[in-house]
Amino acid sequence: MTPFIHLISAILTLCGALTILVAMIGTVRLPDVFCRSHALGKGLTLGLVLLLCGLWIDLGSEAAGLRIPAAIFFQFLTLPVASHLGASLSYQKRLPRHGDPRIDEDPRLERSPRP
């Protein structure tokens, strides 16, 4: 492989690792579960896709085949859905949001009034 291919692979891998690091810092620093799920859903998806693209370029299409594109597809399919389900469960459990103590009343959800 040429040094140019190794450089592109290293840049993609480094960008992916830094994106995941920023997402993890956002998970610790953000105030409520809705912001945290947003940071995890977006940052982790982008970071893993960048890491997998760097690996795909480094291995080459002969060695990787369709395994890495399939892994990228399933990352796009599962991580945002899991993040949304976590936020949806938090909304249904009426966890408080940062800066707004009220929870929007959704007529589709039957909930008992809060004491």
PDB file of N, CA and C in Angstrom:
ATOM      1  N   MET A   1       0.826  -1.184   0.000  1.00  0.00           N
ATOM      2  CA  MET A   1       0.000   0.000   0.000  1.00  0.00           C
ATOM      3  C   MET A   1       0.868   1.244   0.000  1.00  0.00           C
ATOM      4  N   THR A   2       0.345   2.271  -0.565  1.00  0.00           N
ATOM      5  CA  THR A   2       1.093   3.514  -0.630  1.00  0.00           C
ATOM      6  C   THR A   2       0.976   4.277   0.693  1.00  0.00           C
ATOM      7  N   PRO A   3       1.929   5.123   0.967  1.00  0.00           N
ATOM      8  CA  PRO A   3       1.852   5.918   2.202  1.00  0.00           C
ATOM      9  C   PRO A   3       0.636   6.846   2.227  1.00  0.00           C
ATOM     10  N   PHE A   4       0.158   7.247   1.046  1.00  0.00           N
ATOM     11  CA  PHE A   4      -1.014   8.116   0.991  1.00  0.00           C
ATOM     12  C   PHE A   4      -2.256   7.399   1.525  1.00  0.00           C
ATOM     13  N   ILE A   5      -2.413   6.133   1.192  1.00  0.00           N
ATOM     14  CA  ILE A   5      -3.546   5.344   1.681  1.00  0.00           C
ATOM     15  C   ILE A   5      -3.454   5.179   3.196  1.00  0.00           C
ATOM     16  N   HIS A   6      -2.239   4.927   3.694  1.00  0.00           N
ATOM     17  CA  HIS A   6      -2.055   4.806   5.147  1.00  0.00           C
ATOM     18  C   HIS A   6      -2.372   6.123   5.855  1.00  0.00           C
ATOM     19  N   LEU A   7      -2.013   7.230   5.233  1.00  0.00           N
ATOM     20  CA  LEU A   7      -2.284   8.536   5.826  1.00  0.00           C
ATOM     21  C   LEU A   7      -3.789   8.797   5.901  1.00  0.00           C
ATOM     22  N   ILE A   8      -4.506   8.516   4.834  1.00  0.00           N
ATOM     23  CA  ILE A   8      -5.966   8.716   4.838  1.00  0.00           C
ATOM     24  C   ILE A   8      -6.619   7.804   5.874  1.00  0.00           C
ATOM     25  N   SER A   9      -6.166   6.565   5.944  1.00  0.00           N
ATOM     26  CA  SER A   9      -6.704   5.636   6.935  1.00  0.00           C
ATOM     27  C   SER A   9      -6.437   6.130   8.358  1.00  0.00           C
ATOM     28  N   ALA A  10      -5.232   6.635   8.606  1.00  0.00           N
ATOM     29  CA  ALA A  10      -4.892   7.146   9.932  1.00  0.00           C
ATOM     30  C   ALA A  10      -5.704   8.387  10.282  1.00  0.00           C
ATOM     31  N   ILE A  11      -5.937   9.264   9.307  1.00  0.00           N
ATOM     32  CA  ILE A  11      -6.730  10.471   9.561  1.00  0.00           C
ATOM     33  C   ILE A  11      -8.172  10.106   9.893  1.00  0.00           C
ATOM     34  N   LEU A  12      -8.758   9.189   9.132  1.00  0.00           N
ATOM     35  CA  LEU A  12     -10.126   8.767   9.415  1.00  0.00           C
ATOM     36  C   LEU A  12     -10.234   8.102  10.782  1.00  0.00           C
ATOM     37  N   THR A  13      -9.267   7.257  11.117  1.00  0.00           N
ATOM     38  CA  THR A  13      -9.291   6.587  12.403  1.00  0.00           C
ATOM     39  C   THR A  13      -9.137   7.584  13.548  1.00  0.00           C
ATOM     40  N   LEU A  14      -8.248   8.543  13.396  1.00  0.00           N
ATOM     41  CA  LEU A  14      -8.056   9.559  14.427  1.00  0.00           C
ATOM     42  C   LEU A  14      -9.301  10.432  14.582  1.00  0.00           C
ATOM     43  N   CYS A  15      -9.908  10.829  13.468  1.00  0.00           N
ATOM     44  CA  CYS A  15     -11.146  11.627  13.536  1.00  0.00           C
ATOM     45  C   CYS A  15     -12.268  10.846  14.212  1.00  0.00           C
ATOM     46  N   GLY A  16     -12.363   9.555  13.918  1.00  0.00           N
ATOM     47  CA  GLY A  16     -13.380   8.728  14.562  1.00  0.00           C
ATOM     48  C   GLY A  16     -13.154   8.603  16.049  1.00  0.00           C
ATOM     49  N   ALA A  17     -11.902   8.405  16.455  1.00  0.00           N
ATOM     50  CA  ALA A  17     -11.601   8.288  17.883  1.00  0.00           C
ATOM     51  C   ALA A  17     -11.869   9.602  18.613  1.00  0.00           C
ATOM     52  N   LEU A  18     -11.529  10.716  17.995  1.00  0.00           N
ATOM     53  CA  LEU A  18     -11.789  12.015  18.623  1.00  0.00           C
ATOM     54  C   LEU A  18     -13.284  12.311  18.707  1.00  0.00           C
ATOM     55  N   THR A  19     -14.041  11.909  17.700  1.00  0.00           N
ATOM     56  CA  THR A  19     -15.487  12.104  17.739  1.00  0.00           C
ATOM     57  C   THR A  19     -16.116  11.289  18.852  1.00  0.00           C
ATOM     58  N   ILE A  20     -15.668  10.059  19.022  1.00  0.00           N
ATOM     59  CA  ILE A  20     -16.184   9.231  20.108  1.00  0.00           C
ATOM     60  C   ILE A  20     -15.790   9.817  21.461  1.00  0.00           C
ATOM     61  N   LEU A  21     -14.585  10.360  21.567  1.00  0.00           N
ATOM     62  CA  LEU A  21     -14.154  11.000  22.809  1.00  0.00           C
ATOM     63  C   LEU A  21     -15.033  12.196  23.145  1.00  0.00           C
ATOM     64  N   VAL A  22     -15.337  13.029  22.153  1.00  0.00           N
ATOM     65  CA  VAL A  22     -16.206  14.184  22.387  1.00  0.00           C
ATOM     66  C   VAL A  22     -17.608  13.725  22.784  1.00  0.00           C
ATOM     67  N   ALA A  23     -18.104  12.651  22.174  1.00  0.00           N
ATOM     68  CA  ALA A  23     -19.422  12.126  22.545  1.00  0.00           C
ATOM     69  C   ALA A  23     -19.428  11.609  23.982  1.00  0.00           C
ATOM     70  N   MET A  24     -18.348  10.981  24.398  1.00  0.00           N
ATOM     71  CA  MET A  24     -18.276  10.491  25.775  1.00  0.00           C
ATOM     72  C   MET A  24     -18.176  11.647  26.773  1.00  0.00           C
ATOM     73  N   ILE A  25     -17.429  12.693  26.411  1.00  0.00           N
ATOM     74  CA  ILE A  25     -17.364  13.874  27.280  1.00  0.00           C
ATOM     75  C   ILE A  25     -18.736  14.533  27.367  1.00  0.00           C
ATOM     76  N   GLY A  26     -19.451  14.586  26.244  1.00  0.00           N
ATOM     77  CA  GLY A  26     -20.802  15.126  26.253  1.00  0.00           C
ATOM     78  C   GLY A  26     -21.745  14.301  27.109  1.00  0.00           C
ATOM     79  N   THR A  27     -21.545  13.004  27.147  1.00  0.00           N
ATOM     80  CA  THR A  27     -22.387  12.151  27.987  1.00  0.00           C
ATOM     81  C   THR A  27     -22.184  12.476  29.463  1.00  0.00           C
ATOM     82  N   VAL A  28     -20.967  12.778  29.833  1.00  0.00           N
ATOM     83  CA  VAL A  28     -20.681  13.089  31.235  1.00  0.00           C
ATOM     84  C   VAL A  28     -21.095  14.514  31.578  1.00  0.00           C
ATOM     85  N   ARG A  29     -20.899  15.445  30.672  1.00  0.00           N
ATOM     86  CA  ARG A  29     -21.073  16.858  30.998  1.00  0.00           C
ATOM     87  C   ARG A  29     -22.487  17.406  30.773  1.00  0.00           C
ATOM     88  N   LEU A  30     -23.256  16.802  29.900  1.00  0.00           N
ATOM     89  CA  LEU A  30     -24.571  17.368  29.586  1.00  0.00           C
ATOM     90  C   LEU A  30     -25.547  17.148  30.748  1.00  0.00           C
ATOM     91  N   PRO A  31     -26.537  18.036  30.883  1.00  0.00           N
ATOM     92  CA  PRO A  31     -27.323  18.058  32.118  1.00  0.00           C
ATOM     93  C   PRO A  31     -28.411  16.991  32.262  1.00  0.00           C
ATOM     94  N   ASP A  32     -29.054  16.592  31.191  1.00  0.00           N
ATOM     95  CA  ASP A  32     -30.160  15.648  31.375  1.00  0.00           C
ATOM     96  C   ASP A  32     -30.067  14.501  30.373  1.00  0.00           C
ATOM     97  N   VAL A  33     -30.965  13.535  30.537  1.00  0.00           N
ATOM     98  CA  VAL A  33     -30.895  12.312  29.748  1.00  0.00           C
ATOM     99  C   VAL A  33     -31.203  12.556  28.278  1.00  0.00           C
ATOM    100  N   PHE A  34     -31.984  13.557  27.972  1.00  0.00           N
ATOM    101  CA  PHE A  34     -32.328  13.835  26.580  1.00  0.00           C
ATOM    102  C   PHE A  34     -31.117  14.391  25.824  1.00  0.00           C
ATOM    103  N   CYS A  35     -30.384  15.284  26.450  1.00  0.00           N
ATOM    104  CA  CYS A  35     -29.159  15.809  25.823  1.00  0.00           C
ATOM    105  C   CYS A  35     -28.102  14.722  25.716  1.00  0.00           C
ATOM    106  N   ARG A  36     -28.009  13.883  26.729  1.00  0.00           N
ATOM    107  CA  ARG A  36     -27.019  12.805  26.709  1.00  0.00           C
ATOM    108  C   ARG A  36     -27.315  11.796  25.612  1.00  0.00           C
ATOM    109  N   SER A  37     -28.584  11.463  25.444  1.00  0.00           N
ATOM    110  CA  SER A  37     -28.919  10.505  24.387  1.00  0.00           C
ATOM    111  C   SER A  37     -28.652  11.101  23.008  1.00  0.00           C
ATOM    112  N   HIS A  38     -28.816  12.407  22.868  1.00  0.00           N
ATOM    113  CA  HIS A  38     -28.501  13.063  21.601  1.00  0.00           C
ATOM    114  C   HIS A  38     -27.001  12.985  21.319  1.00  0.00           C
ATOM    115  N   ALA A  39     -26.192  13.258  22.337  1.00  0.00           N
ATOM    116  CA  ALA A  39     -24.738  13.207  22.155  1.00  0.00           C
ATOM    117  C   ALA A  39     -24.286  11.794  21.815  1.00  0.00           C
ATOM    118  N   LEU A  40     -24.848  10.817  22.488  1.00  0.00           N
ATOM    119  CA  LEU A  40     -24.466   9.435  22.199  1.00  0.00           C
ATOM    120  C   LEU A  40     -24.949   8.993  20.827  1.00  0.00           C
ATOM    121  N   GLY A  41     -26.184   9.319  20.495  1.00  0.00           N
ATOM    122  CA  GLY A  41     -26.739   8.869  19.216  1.00  0.00           C
ATOM    123  C   GLY A  41     -26.000   9.429  18.017  1.00  0.00           C
ATOM    124  N   LYS A  42     -25.716  10.704  18.048  1.00  0.00           N
ATOM    125  CA  LYS A  42     -25.051  11.334  16.905  1.00  0.00           C
ATOM    126  C   LYS A  42     -23.545  11.089  16.907  1.00  0.00           C
ATOM    127  N   GLY A  43     -22.913  11.347  18.047  1.00  0.00           N
ATOM    128  CA  GLY A  43     -21.459  11.249  18.109  1.00  0.00           C
ATOM    129  C   GLY A  43     -20.930   9.841  17.956  1.00  0.00           C
ATOM    130  N   LEU A  44     -21.579   8.892  18.601  1.00  0.00           N
ATOM    131  CA  LEU A  44     -21.112   7.518  18.511  1.00  0.00           C
ATOM    132  C   LEU A  44     -21.330   6.938  17.117  1.00  0.00           C
ATOM    133  N   THR A  45     -22.429   7.285  16.485  1.00  0.00           N
ATOM    134  CA  THR A  45     -22.669   6.812  15.122  1.00  0.00           C
ATOM    135  C   THR A  45     -21.610   7.348  14.165  1.00  0.00           C
ATOM    136  N   LEU A  46     -21.365   8.643  14.217  1.00  0.00           N
ATOM    137  CA  LEU A  46     -20.359   9.231  13.323  1.00  0.00           C
ATOM    138  C   LEU A  46     -18.967   8.696  13.621  1.00  0.00           C
ATOM    139  N   GLY A  47     -18.619   8.582  14.903  1.00  0.00           N
ATOM    140  CA  GLY A  47     -17.292   8.098  15.266  1.00  0.00           C
ATOM    141  C   GLY A  47     -17.048   6.669  14.828  1.00  0.00           C
ATOM    142  N   LEU A  48     -18.025   5.796  15.038  1.00  0.00           N
ATOM    143  CA  LEU A  48     -17.851   4.405  14.614  1.00  0.00           C
ATOM    144  C   LEU A  48     -17.801   4.273  13.096  1.00  0.00           C
ATOM    145  N   VAL A  49     -18.576   5.071  12.397  1.00  0.00           N
ATOM    146  CA  VAL A  49     -18.529   5.026  10.932  1.00  0.00           C
ATOM    147  C   VAL A  49     -17.160   5.489  10.436  1.00  0.00           C
ATOM    148  N   LEU A  50     -16.600   6.537  11.035  1.00  0.00           N
ATOM    149  CA  LEU A  50     -15.271   6.992  10.632  1.00  0.00           C
ATOM    150  C   LEU A  50     -14.211   5.937  10.942  1.00  0.00           C
ATOM    151  N   LEU A  51     -14.307   5.304  12.105  1.00  0.00           N
ATOM    152  CA  LEU A  51     -13.367   4.238  12.439  1.00  0.00           C
ATOM    153  C   LEU A  51     -13.467   3.074  11.459  1.00  0.00           C
ATOM    154  N   LEU A  52     -14.684   2.678  11.140  1.00  0.00           N
ATOM    155  CA  LEU A  52     -14.863   1.563  10.211  1.00  0.00           C
ATOM    156  C   LEU A  52     -14.414   1.928   8.795  1.00  0.00           C
ATOM    157  N   CYS A  53     -14.618   3.168   8.385  1.00  0.00           N
ATOM    158  CA  CYS A  53     -14.123   3.579   7.068  1.00  0.00           C
ATOM    159  C   CYS A  53     -12.602   3.562   7.023  1.00  0.00           C
ATOM    160  N   GLY A  54     -11.969   4.005   8.100  1.00  0.00           N
ATOM    161  CA  GLY A  54     -10.514   3.935   8.170  1.00  0.00           C
ATOM    162  C   GLY A  54     -10.011   2.503   8.114  1.00  0.00           C
ATOM    163  N   LEU A  55     -10.693   1.595   8.790  1.00  0.00           N
ATOM    164  CA  LEU A  55     -10.326   0.184   8.742  1.00  0.00           C
ATOM    165  C   LEU A  55     -10.543  -0.400   7.356  1.00  0.00           C
ATOM    166  N   TRP A  56     -11.631  -0.006   6.718  1.00  0.00           N
ATOM    167  CA  TRP A  56     -11.942  -0.508   5.380  1.00  0.00           C
ATOM    168  C   TRP A  56     -10.877  -0.073   4.377  1.00  0.00           C
ATOM    169  N   ILE A  57     -10.448   1.184   4.469  1.00  0.00           N
ATOM    170  CA  ILE A  57      -9.395   1.658   3.573  1.00  0.00           C
ATOM    171  C   ILE A  57      -8.083   0.954   3.864  1.00  0.00           C
ATOM    172  N   ASP A  58      -7.785   0.739   5.145  1.00  0.00           N
ATOM    173  CA  ASP A  58      -6.523   0.094   5.513  1.00  0.00           C
ATOM    174  C   ASP A  58      -6.479  -1.362   5.069  1.00  0.00           C
ATOM    175  N   LEU A  59      -7.581  -2.091   5.243  1.00  0.00           N
ATOM    176  CA  LEU A  59      -7.599  -3.507   4.858  1.00  0.00           C
ATOM    177  C   LEU A  59      -7.690  -3.698   3.348  1.00  0.00           C
ATOM    178  N   GLY A  60      -8.372  -2.815   2.699  1.00  0.00           N
ATOM    179  CA  GLY A  60      -8.588  -2.979   1.266  1.00  0.00           C
ATOM    180  C   GLY A  60      -9.885  -3.731   1.018  1.00  0.00           C
ATOM    181  N   SER A  61     -10.421  -3.574  -0.164  1.00  0.00           N
ATOM    182  CA  SER A  61     -11.711  -4.195  -0.456  1.00  0.00           C
ATOM    183  C   SER A  61     -11.608  -5.708  -0.617  1.00  0.00           C
ATOM    184  N   GLU A  62     -10.423  -6.213  -0.935  1.00  0.00           N
ATOM    185  CA  GLU A  62     -10.278  -7.662  -1.093  1.00  0.00           C
ATOM    186  C   GLU A  62     -10.379  -8.375   0.253  1.00  0.00           C
ATOM    187  N   ALA A  63      -9.714  -7.834   1.270  1.00  0.00           N
ATOM    188  CA  ALA A  63      -9.702  -8.488   2.588  1.00  0.00           C
ATOM    189  C   ALA A  63     -10.999  -8.243   3.345  1.00  0.00           C
ATOM    190  N   ALA A  64     -11.552  -7.044   3.225  1.00  0.00           N
ATOM    191  CA  ALA A  64     -12.737  -6.708   4.008  1.00  0.00           C
ATOM    192  C   ALA A  64     -14.019  -7.213   3.358  1.00  0.00           C
ATOM    193  N   GLY A  65     -14.061  -7.209   2.056  1.00  0.00           N
ATOM    194  CA  GLY A  65     -15.269  -7.649   1.364  1.00  0.00           C
ATOM    195  C   GLY A  65     -16.439  -6.742   1.688  1.00  0.00           C
ATOM    196  N   LEU A  66     -17.572  -7.353   1.979  1.00  0.00           N
ATOM    197  CA  LEU A  66     -18.769  -6.584   2.325  1.00  0.00           C
ATOM    198  C   LEU A  66     -19.026  -6.563   3.821  1.00  0.00           C
ATOM    199  N   ARG A  67     -18.094  -7.058   4.612  1.00  0.00           N
ATOM    200  CA  ARG A  67     -18.301  -7.089   6.062  1.00  0.00           C
ATOM    201  C   ARG A  67     -18.325  -5.696   6.669  1.00  0.00           C
ATOM    202  N   ILE A  68     -17.375  -4.867   6.295  1.00  0.00           N
ATOM    203  CA  ILE A  68     -17.313  -3.526   6.884  1.00  0.00           C
ATOM    204  C   ILE A  68     -18.457  -2.636   6.387  1.00  0.00           C
ATOM    205  N   PRO A  69     -18.813  -2.634   5.095  1.00  0.00           N
ATOM    206  CA  PRO A  69     -20.007  -1.859   4.713  1.00  0.00           C
ATOM    207  C   PRO A  69     -21.282  -2.357   5.411  1.00  0.00           C
ATOM    208  N   ALA A  70     -21.384  -3.657   5.648  1.00  0.00           N
ATOM    209  CA  ALA A  70     -22.548  -4.164   6.383  1.00  0.00           C
ATOM    210  C   ALA A  70     -22.527  -3.677   7.827  1.00  0.00           C
ATOM    211  N   ALA A  71     -21.350  -3.630   8.436  1.00  0.00           N
ATOM    212  CA  ALA A  71     -21.242  -3.119   9.807  1.00  0.00           C
ATOM    213  C   ALA A  71     -21.609  -1.636   9.860  1.00  0.00           C
ATOM    214  N   ILE A  72     -21.190  -0.871   8.853  1.00  0.00           N
ATOM    215  CA  ILE A  72     -21.550   0.548   8.789  1.00  0.00           C
ATOM    216  C   ILE A  72     -23.059   0.706   8.644  1.00  0.00           C
ATOM    217  N   PHE A  73     -23.663  -0.111   7.792  1.00  0.00           N
ATOM    218  CA  PHE A  73     -25.122  -0.055   7.616  1.00  0.00           C
ATOM    219  C   PHE A  73     -25.845  -0.349   8.926  1.00  0.00           C
ATOM    220  N   PHE A  74     -25.408  -1.365   9.646  1.00  0.00           N
ATOM    221  CA  PHE A  74     -26.079  -1.719  10.892  1.00  0.00           C
ATOM    222  C   PHE A  74     -25.822  -0.697  11.995  1.00  0.00           C
ATOM    223  N   GLN A  75     -24.689   0.024  11.943  1.00  0.00           N
ATOM    224  CA  GLN A  75     -24.471   1.105  12.903  1.00  0.00           C
ATOM    225  C   GLN A  75     -25.471   2.229  12.660  1.00  0.00           C
ATOM    226  N   PHE A  76     -25.687   2.575  11.389  1.00  0.00           N
ATOM    227  CA  PHE A  76     -26.677   3.596  11.065  1.00  0.00           C
ATOM    228  C   PHE A  76     -28.087   3.141  11.421  1.00  0.00           C
ATOM    229  N   LEU A  77     -28.314   1.853  11.400  1.00  0.00           N
ATOM    230  CA  LEU A  77     -29.641   1.327  11.680  1.00  0.00           C
ATOM    231  C   LEU A  77     -29.924   1.229  13.175  1.00  0.00           C
ATOM    232  N   THR A  78     -28.949   0.828  13.980  1.00  0.00           N
ATOM    233  CA  THR A  78     -29.231   0.499  15.374  1.00  0.00           C
ATOM    234  C   THR A  78     -28.930   1.610  16.373  1.00  0.00           C
ATOM    235  N   LEU A  79     -27.841   2.335  16.237  1.00  0.00           N
ATOM    236  CA  LEU A  79     -27.468   3.318  17.256  1.00  0.00           C
ATOM    237  C   LEU A  79     -28.469   4.471  17.386  1.00  0.00           C
ATOM    238  N   PRO A  80     -28.908   5.114  16.320  1.00  0.00           N
ATOM    239  CA  PRO A  80     -29.911   6.173  16.504  1.00  0.00           C
ATOM    240  C   PRO A  80     -31.246   5.657  17.040  1.00  0.00           C
ATOM    241  N   VAL A  81     -31.618   4.443  16.666  1.00  0.00           N
ATOM    242  CA  VAL A  81     -32.867   3.875  17.176  1.00  0.00           C
ATOM    243  C   VAL A  81     -32.760   3.618  18.673  1.00  0.00           C
ATOM    244  N   ALA A  82     -31.628   3.093  19.123  1.00  0.00           N
ATOM    245  CA  ALA A  82     -31.428   2.857  20.557  1.00  0.00           C
ATOM    246  C   ALA A  82     -31.427   4.164  21.336  1.00  0.00           C
ATOM    247  N   SER A  83     -30.824   5.201  20.777  1.00  0.00           N
ATOM    248  CA  SER A  83     -30.820   6.505  21.424  1.00  0.00           C
ATOM    249  C   SER A  83     -32.239   7.072  21.528  1.00  0.00           C
ATOM    250  N   HIS A  84     -33.001   6.921  20.472  1.00  0.00           N
ATOM    251  CA  HIS A  84     -34.383   7.400  20.486  1.00  0.00           C
ATOM    252  C   HIS A  84     -35.226   6.620  21.494  1.00  0.00           C
ATOM    253  N   LEU A  85     -35.035   5.324  21.572  1.00  0.00           N
ATOM    254  CA  LEU A  85     -35.811   4.530  22.525  1.00  0.00           C
ATOM    255  C   LEU A  85     -35.488   4.899  23.969  1.00  0.00           C
ATOM    256  N   GLY A  86     -34.214   5.189  24.247  1.00  0.00           N
ATOM    257  CA  GLY A  86     -33.850   5.628  25.590  1.00  0.00           C
ATOM    258  C   GLY A  86     -34.495   6.957  25.946  1.00  0.00           C
ATOM    259  N   ALA A  87     -34.493   7.899  25.011  1.00  0.00           N
ATOM    260  CA  ALA A  87     -35.129   9.197  25.260  1.00  0.00           C
ATOM    261  C   ALA A  87     -36.639   9.051  25.370  1.00  0.00           C
ATOM    262  N   SER A  88     -37.222   8.182  24.566  1.00  0.00           N
ATOM    263  CA  SER A  88     -38.663   7.959  24.636  1.00  0.00           C
ATOM    264  C   SER A  88     -39.074   7.339  25.975  1.00  0.00           C
ATOM    265  N   LEU A  89     -38.295   6.407  26.460  1.00  0.00           N
ATOM    266  CA  LEU A  89     -38.588   5.809  27.767  1.00  0.00           C
ATOM    267  C   LEU A  89     -38.447   6.847  28.879  1.00  0.00           C
ATOM    268  N   SER A  90     -37.453   7.705  28.777  1.00  0.00           N
ATOM    269  CA  SER A  90     -37.269   8.758  29.772  1.00  0.00           C
ATOM    270  C   SER A  90     -38.443   9.737  29.740  1.00  0.00           C
ATOM    271  N   TYR A  91     -38.954  10.008  28.563  1.00  0.00           N
ATOM    272  CA  TYR A  91     -40.117  10.894  28.439  1.00  0.00           C
ATOM    273  C   TYR A  91     -41.352  10.245  29.056  1.00  0.00           C
ATOM    274  N   GLN A  92     -41.542   8.961  28.799  1.00  0.00           N
ATOM    275  CA  GLN A  92     -42.692   8.267  29.359  1.00  0.00           C
ATOM    276  C   GLN A  92     -42.615   8.153  30.878  1.00  0.00           C
ATOM    277  N   LYS A  93     -41.398   8.045  31.413  1.00  0.00           N
ATOM    278  CA  LYS A  93     -41.215   7.973  32.870  1.00  0.00           C
ATOM    279  C   LYS A  93     -41.231   9.346  33.508  1.00  0.00           C
ATOM    280  N   ARG A  94     -41.390  10.377  32.687  1.00  0.00           N
ATOM    281  CA  ARG A  94     -41.500  11.765  33.125  1.00  0.00           C
ATOM    282  C   ARG A  94     -40.268  12.245  33.879  1.00  0.00           C
ATOM    283  N   LEU A  95     -39.105  11.905  33.378  1.00  0.00           N
ATOM    284  CA  LEU A  95     -37.885  12.423  33.978  1.00  0.00           C
ATOM    285  C   LEU A  95     -37.771  13.917  33.681  1.00  0.00           C
ATOM    286  N   PRO A  96     -37.309  14.697  34.637  1.00  0.00           N
ATOM    287  CA  PRO A  96     -37.267  16.153  34.416  1.00  0.00           C
ATOM    288  C   PRO A  96     -36.211  16.542  33.386  1.00  0.00           C
ATOM    289  N   ARG A  97     -36.540  17.597  32.659  1.00  0.00           N
ATOM    290  CA  ARG A  97     -35.613  18.144  31.676  1.00  0.00           C
ATOM    291  C   ARG A  97     -34.875  19.325  32.283  1.00  0.00           C
ATOM    292  N   HIS A  98     -33.700  19.595  31.790  1.00  0.00           N
ATOM    293  CA  HIS A  98     -32.896  20.700  32.286  1.00  0.00           C
ATOM    294  C   HIS A  98     -33.497  22.021  31.835  1.00  0.00           C
ATOM    295  N   GLY A  99     -33.702  22.922  32.779  1.00  0.00           N
ATOM    296  CA  GLY A  99     -34.177  24.259  32.449  1.00  0.00           C
ATOM    297  C   GLY A  99     -35.681  24.375  32.312  1.00  0.00           C
ATOM    298  N   ASP A 100     -36.398  23.288  32.261  1.00  0.00           N
ATOM    299  CA  ASP A 100     -37.853  23.328  32.142  1.00  0.00           C
ATOM    300  C   ASP A 100     -38.427  22.228  33.023  1.00  0.00           C
ATOM    301  N   PRO A 101     -38.958  22.574  34.185  1.00  0.00           N
ATOM    302  CA  PRO A 101     -39.455  21.525  35.083  1.00  0.00           C
ATOM    303  C   PRO A 101     -40.720  20.842  34.586  1.00  0.00           C
ATOM    304  N   ARG A 102     -41.407  21.464  33.638  1.00  0.00           N
ATOM    305  CA  ARG A 102     -42.627  20.857  33.125  1.00  0.00           C
ATOM    306  C   ARG A 102     -42.307  19.821  32.053  1.00  0.00           C
ATOM    307  N   ILE A 103     -43.170  18.847  31.925  1.00  0.00           N
ATOM    308  CA  ILE A 103     -43.102  17.874  30.842  1.00  0.00           C
ATOM    309  C   ILE A 103     -44.305  18.141  29.949  1.00  0.00           C
ATOM    310  N   ASP A 104     -44.091  18.197  28.657  1.00  0.00           N
ATOM    311  CA  ASP A 104     -45.199  18.413  27.731  1.00  0.00           C
ATOM    312  C   ASP A 104     -46.211  17.297  27.891  1.00  0.00           C
ATOM    313  N   GLU A 105     -47.435  17.664  27.909  1.00  0.00           N
ATOM    314  CA  GLU A 105     -48.489  16.662  28.032  1.00  0.00           C
ATOM    315  C   GLU A 105     -48.842  16.143  26.646  1.00  0.00           C
ATOM    316  N   ASP A 106     -48.685  14.877  26.470  1.00  0.00           N
ATOM    317  CA  ASP A 106     -49.002  14.218  25.210  1.00  0.00           C
ATOM    318  C   ASP A 106     -50.326  13.484  25.412  1.00  0.00           C
ATOM    319  N   PRO A 107     -51.360  13.844  24.675  1.00  0.00           N
ATOM    320  CA  PRO A 107     -52.657  13.182  24.894  1.00  0.00           C
ATOM    321  C   PRO A 107     -52.645  11.695  24.549  1.00  0.00           C
ATOM    322  N   ARG A 108     -51.673  11.246  23.769  1.00  0.00           N
ATOM    323  CA  ARG A 108     -51.617   9.832  23.425  1.00  0.00           C
ATOM    324  C   ARG A 108     -51.115   8.976  24.581  1.00  0.00           C
ATOM    325  N   LEU A 109     -50.418   9.595  25.521  1.00  0.00           N
ATOM    326  CA  LEU A 109     -49.895   8.864  26.670  1.00  0.00           C
ATOM    327  C   LEU A 109     -50.817   9.056  27.853  1.00  0.00           C
ATOM    328  N   GLU A 110     -51.322   7.974  28.369  1.00  0.00           N
ATOM    329  CA  GLU A 110     -52.181   8.080  29.542  1.00  0.00           C
ATOM    330  C   GLU A 110     -51.319   7.942  30.774  1.00  0.00           C
ATOM    331  N   ARG A 111     -51.258   9.039  31.525  1.00  0.00           N
ATOM    332  CA  ARG A 111     -50.438   9.045  32.724  1.00  0.00           C
ATOM    333  C   ARG A 111     -51.250   9.591  33.875  1.00  0.00           C
ATOM    334  N   SER A 112     -50.911   9.133  35.029  1.00  0.00           N
ATOM    335  CA  SER A 112     -51.584   9.678  36.210  1.00  0.00           C
ATOM    336  C   SER A 112     -50.960  11.030  36.543  1.00  0.00           C
ATOM    337  N   PRO A 113     -51.737  11.939  37.115  1.00  0.00           N
ATOM    338  CA  PRO A 113     -51.177  13.252  37.440  1.00  0.00           C
ATOM    339  C   PRO A 113     -50.099  13.141  38.511  1.00  0.00           C
ATOM    340  N   ARG A 114     -49.138  14.015  38.392  1.00  0.00           N
ATOM    341  CA  ARG A 114     -48.038  14.032  39.347  1.00  0.00           C
ATOM    342  C   ARG A 114     -48.473  14.697  40.630  1.00  0.00           C
ATOM    343  N   PRO A 115     -48.052  14.169  41.780  1.00  0.00           N
ATOM    344  CA  PRO A 115     -48.463  14.810  43.049  1.00  0.00           C
ATOM    345  C   PRO A 115     -47.798  16.133  43.261  1.00  0.00           C
TER     346      PRO A 115
END
